[in-house]
């Protein structure tokens, strides 16, 4: 197969996915409240970000929503729930 058909070669991990392949994969992944694994809904995300603006600690917010402090920090910093 040609280099363009496979994507760029990465000596450590094999072959990098093409941009087209990445888009197909990401569009099929369920995000946010559509995911079966999500404990939160879109409305919660808005509330979490508003509480953060009001200077409520991430620890207290985490307890309110029964999730980890790391989850709250990821939401606040838009590492997760970027689409909201």
N, C-alpha and C. Protein backbone atom coordinates (compact mmCIF):
# COMPACT_ATOMS: atom_id res chain seq x y z
N UNK A 1 0.83 -1.18 0.00
CA UNK A 1 0.00 0.00 0.00
C UNK A 1 0.88 1.24 0.00
N UNK A 2 0.39 2.28 -0.60
CA UNK A 2 1.14 3.51 -0.67
C UNK A 2 1.06 4.27 0.64
N UNK A 3 2.01 5.17 0.81
CA UNK A 3 2.03 5.98 2.02
C UNK A 3 0.76 6.81 2.17
N UNK A 4 0.25 7.33 1.07
CA UNK A 4 -0.95 8.15 1.14
C UNK A 4 -2.19 7.33 1.48
N UNK A 5 -2.22 6.07 1.07
CA UNK A 5 -3.37 5.21 1.37
C UNK A 5 -3.39 4.81 2.83
N UNK A 6 -2.24 4.65 3.42
CA UNK A 6 -2.16 4.22 4.81
C UNK A 6 -2.07 5.36 5.80
N UNK A 7 -1.70 6.51 5.34
CA UNK A 7 -1.46 7.61 6.26
C UNK A 7 0.02 7.66 6.58
N UNK A 8 0.41 8.58 7.41
CA UNK A 8 1.81 8.76 7.75
C UNK A 8 2.28 7.63 8.65
N UNK A 9 3.48 7.11 8.38
CA UNK A 9 4.05 6.02 9.16
C UNK A 9 4.61 6.54 10.48
N UNK A 10 4.29 5.88 11.56
CA UNK A 10 4.82 6.22 12.87
C UNK A 10 5.58 4.99 13.34
N UNK A 11 6.88 5.10 13.51
CA UNK A 11 7.71 3.93 13.79
C UNK A 11 7.39 3.26 15.12
N UNK A 12 6.87 3.98 16.08
CA UNK A 12 6.59 3.37 17.37
C UNK A 12 5.22 2.71 17.45
N UNK A 13 4.22 3.34 16.87
CA UNK A 13 2.85 2.86 17.02
C UNK A 13 2.23 2.32 15.75
N UNK A 14 2.95 2.33 14.67
CA UNK A 14 2.37 1.84 13.43
C UNK A 14 1.98 2.98 12.54
N UNK A 15 0.74 3.03 12.15
CA UNK A 15 0.29 4.01 11.16
C UNK A 15 -0.68 4.99 11.80
N UNK A 16 -0.47 6.27 11.53
CA UNK A 16 -1.39 7.30 12.02
C UNK A 16 -2.62 7.31 11.12
N UNK A 17 -3.75 7.51 11.71
CA UNK A 17 -4.99 7.58 10.94
C UNK A 17 -5.04 8.88 10.14
N UNK A 18 -5.61 8.81 8.97
CA UNK A 18 -5.77 10.00 8.15
C UNK A 18 -6.82 10.90 8.78
N UNK A 19 -6.84 12.16 8.37
CA UNK A 19 -7.84 13.10 8.89
C UNK A 19 -9.26 12.61 8.58
N UNK A 20 -9.46 12.04 7.43
CA UNK A 20 -10.78 11.53 7.04
C UNK A 20 -11.21 10.40 7.98
N UNK A 21 -10.29 9.51 8.31
CA UNK A 21 -10.58 8.41 9.22
C UNK A 21 -10.89 8.94 10.61
N UNK A 22 -10.12 9.93 11.07
CA UNK A 22 -10.36 10.52 12.39
C UNK A 22 -11.74 11.14 12.46
N UNK A 23 -12.16 11.84 11.39
CA UNK A 23 -13.47 12.46 11.37
C UNK A 23 -14.58 11.42 11.42
N UNK A 24 -14.42 10.33 10.68
CA UNK A 24 -15.42 9.27 10.69
C UNK A 24 -15.54 8.65 12.08
N UNK A 25 -14.40 8.43 12.71
CA UNK A 25 -14.40 7.81 14.04
C UNK A 25 -15.04 8.74 15.06
N UNK A 26 -14.70 10.03 15.02
CA UNK A 26 -15.22 10.96 16.02
C UNK A 26 -16.69 11.25 15.82
N UNK A 27 -17.17 11.19 14.60
CA UNK A 27 -18.59 11.46 14.36
C UNK A 27 -19.48 10.31 14.84
N UNK A 28 -18.92 9.12 14.95
CA UNK A 28 -19.72 7.97 15.39
C UNK A 28 -19.72 7.81 16.92
N UNK A 29 -18.87 8.56 17.60
CA UNK A 29 -18.78 8.49 19.06
C UNK A 29 -19.88 9.36 19.66
N UNK A 30 -20.62 8.78 20.59
CA UNK A 30 -21.68 9.55 21.25
C UNK A 30 -21.05 10.44 22.31
N UNK A 31 -21.49 11.68 22.34
CA UNK A 31 -20.90 12.66 23.24
C UNK A 31 -21.91 13.09 24.29
N UNK A 32 -21.38 13.49 25.44
CA UNK A 32 -22.20 14.08 26.48
C UNK A 32 -23.31 13.18 26.97
N UNK A 33 -24.50 13.74 27.11
CA UNK A 33 -25.61 12.99 27.68
C UNK A 33 -26.10 11.87 26.77
N UNK A 34 -25.68 11.86 25.51
CA UNK A 34 -26.05 10.78 24.60
C UNK A 34 -25.28 9.49 24.89
N UNK A 35 -24.18 9.61 25.61
CA UNK A 35 -23.39 8.44 25.98
C UNK A 35 -24.08 7.70 27.12
N UNK A 36 -24.09 6.38 27.04
CA UNK A 36 -24.70 5.56 28.09
C UNK A 36 -23.93 5.66 29.40
N UNK A 37 -22.66 6.02 29.33
CA UNK A 37 -21.80 6.06 30.51
C UNK A 37 -21.86 7.38 31.27
N UNK A 38 -22.51 8.38 30.71
CA UNK A 38 -22.52 9.71 31.30
C UNK A 38 -23.40 9.78 32.54
N UNK A 39 -22.85 10.38 33.60
CA UNK A 39 -23.63 10.64 34.82
C UNK A 39 -24.28 12.02 34.76
N UNK A 40 -23.82 12.85 33.84
CA UNK A 40 -24.28 14.23 33.76
C UNK A 40 -25.09 14.47 32.49
N UNK A 41 -25.90 15.51 32.54
CA UNK A 41 -26.63 15.94 31.35
C UNK A 41 -26.17 17.35 31.00
N UNK A 42 -26.54 17.81 29.82
CA UNK A 42 -26.08 19.12 29.35
C UNK A 42 -26.39 20.23 30.35
N UNK A 43 -27.57 20.18 30.94
CA UNK A 43 -27.98 21.19 31.92
C UNK A 43 -27.00 21.25 33.10
N UNK A 44 -26.51 20.08 33.53
CA UNK A 44 -25.55 20.03 34.63
C UNK A 44 -24.26 20.76 34.28
N UNK A 45 -23.84 20.66 33.03
CA UNK A 45 -22.59 21.28 32.60
C UNK A 45 -22.69 22.80 32.74
N UNK A 46 -23.82 23.34 32.30
CA UNK A 46 -24.03 24.79 32.45
C UNK A 46 -23.99 25.19 33.93
N UNK A 47 -24.64 24.40 34.77
CA UNK A 47 -24.66 24.70 36.21
C UNK A 47 -23.26 24.62 36.81
N UNK A 48 -22.50 23.61 36.41
CA UNK A 48 -21.13 23.44 36.93
C UNK A 48 -20.28 24.65 36.58
N UNK A 49 -20.36 25.10 35.35
CA UNK A 49 -19.56 26.25 34.93
C UNK A 49 -20.02 27.54 35.62
N UNK A 50 -21.32 27.68 35.87
CA UNK A 50 -21.81 28.87 36.59
C UNK A 50 -21.34 28.84 38.04
N UNK A 51 -21.38 27.67 38.67
CA UNK A 51 -20.92 27.56 40.05
C UNK A 51 -19.43 27.90 40.16
N UNK A 52 -18.67 27.49 39.18
CA UNK A 52 -17.24 27.80 39.16
C UNK A 52 -17.03 29.32 39.07
N UNK A 53 -17.80 29.98 38.22
CA UNK A 53 -17.70 31.43 38.09
C UNK A 53 -18.04 32.12 39.41
N UNK A 54 -18.96 31.52 40.18
CA UNK A 54 -19.35 32.07 41.49
C UNK A 54 -18.36 31.70 42.59
N UNK A 55 -17.22 31.13 42.20
CA UNK A 55 -16.12 30.80 43.12
C UNK A 55 -16.42 29.64 44.07
N UNK A 56 -17.33 28.74 43.69
CA UNK A 56 -17.57 27.53 44.46
C UNK A 56 -16.42 26.57 44.15
N UNK A 57 -15.87 25.92 45.15
CA UNK A 57 -14.71 25.05 44.93
C UNK A 57 -15.09 23.84 44.08
N UNK A 58 -14.12 23.36 43.33
CA UNK A 58 -14.36 22.19 42.48
C UNK A 58 -14.70 20.96 43.32
N UNK A 59 -14.16 20.89 44.53
CA UNK A 59 -14.46 19.79 45.44
C UNK A 59 -15.95 19.80 45.81
N UNK A 60 -16.48 20.98 46.16
CA UNK A 60 -17.90 21.09 46.53
C UNK A 60 -18.81 20.81 45.34
N UNK A 61 -18.41 21.29 44.18
CA UNK A 61 -19.20 21.04 42.97
C UNK A 61 -19.24 19.54 42.69
N UNK A 62 -18.10 18.89 42.83
CA UNK A 62 -18.02 17.45 42.59
C UNK A 62 -18.96 16.69 43.52
N UNK A 63 -19.01 17.08 44.77
CA UNK A 63 -19.90 16.43 45.74
C UNK A 63 -21.37 16.65 45.36
N UNK A 64 -21.70 17.84 44.88
CA UNK A 64 -23.08 18.15 44.48
C UNK A 64 -23.57 17.25 43.35
N UNK A 65 -22.66 16.93 42.43
CA UNK A 65 -23.05 16.17 41.25
C UNK A 65 -22.61 14.70 41.30
N UNK A 66 -22.02 14.29 42.43
CA UNK A 66 -21.58 12.91 42.64
C UNK A 66 -20.60 12.43 41.56
N UNK A 67 -19.63 13.29 41.26
CA UNK A 67 -18.55 12.95 40.33
C UNK A 67 -17.24 13.35 40.98
N UNK A 68 -16.13 13.02 40.36
CA UNK A 68 -14.83 13.34 40.94
C UNK A 68 -14.45 14.80 40.70
N UNK A 69 -13.52 15.27 41.51
CA UNK A 69 -13.00 16.62 41.35
C UNK A 69 -12.33 16.75 39.98
N UNK A 70 -11.66 15.70 39.54
CA UNK A 70 -11.00 15.69 38.24
C UNK A 70 -11.99 15.87 37.10
N UNK A 71 -13.17 15.27 37.24
CA UNK A 71 -14.22 15.43 36.24
C UNK A 71 -14.66 16.88 36.17
N UNK A 72 -14.84 17.50 37.32
CA UNK A 72 -15.26 18.90 37.38
C UNK A 72 -14.19 19.80 36.74
N UNK A 73 -12.94 19.56 37.09
CA UNK A 73 -11.86 20.37 36.52
C UNK A 73 -11.78 20.21 35.00
N UNK A 74 -12.00 19.00 34.51
CA UNK A 74 -11.98 18.76 33.07
C UNK A 74 -13.12 19.51 32.37
N UNK A 75 -14.27 19.55 33.00
CA UNK A 75 -15.42 20.28 32.45
C UNK A 75 -15.13 21.79 32.45
N UNK A 76 -14.64 22.30 33.56
CA UNK A 76 -14.35 23.73 33.69
C UNK A 76 -13.30 24.16 32.66
N UNK A 77 -12.28 23.34 32.48
CA UNK A 77 -11.18 23.67 31.56
C UNK A 77 -11.45 23.24 30.12
N UNK A 78 -12.67 22.75 29.88
CA UNK A 78 -13.13 22.32 28.56
C UNK A 78 -12.24 21.25 27.93
N UNK A 79 -11.75 20.36 28.79
CA UNK A 79 -11.05 19.16 28.30
C UNK A 79 -12.09 18.12 27.91
N UNK A 80 -13.21 18.15 28.60
CA UNK A 80 -14.36 17.30 28.27
C UNK A 80 -15.58 18.20 28.12
N UNK A 81 -16.61 17.69 27.53
CA UNK A 81 -17.85 18.44 27.28
C UNK A 81 -17.56 19.73 26.50
N UNK A 82 -16.65 19.62 25.54
CA UNK A 82 -16.26 20.79 24.72
C UNK A 82 -17.43 21.27 23.85
N UNK A 83 -18.29 20.38 23.51
CA UNK A 83 -19.40 20.71 22.61
C UNK A 83 -20.49 21.53 23.28
N UNK A 84 -20.39 21.72 24.60
CA UNK A 84 -21.40 22.49 25.35
C UNK A 84 -20.81 23.84 25.69
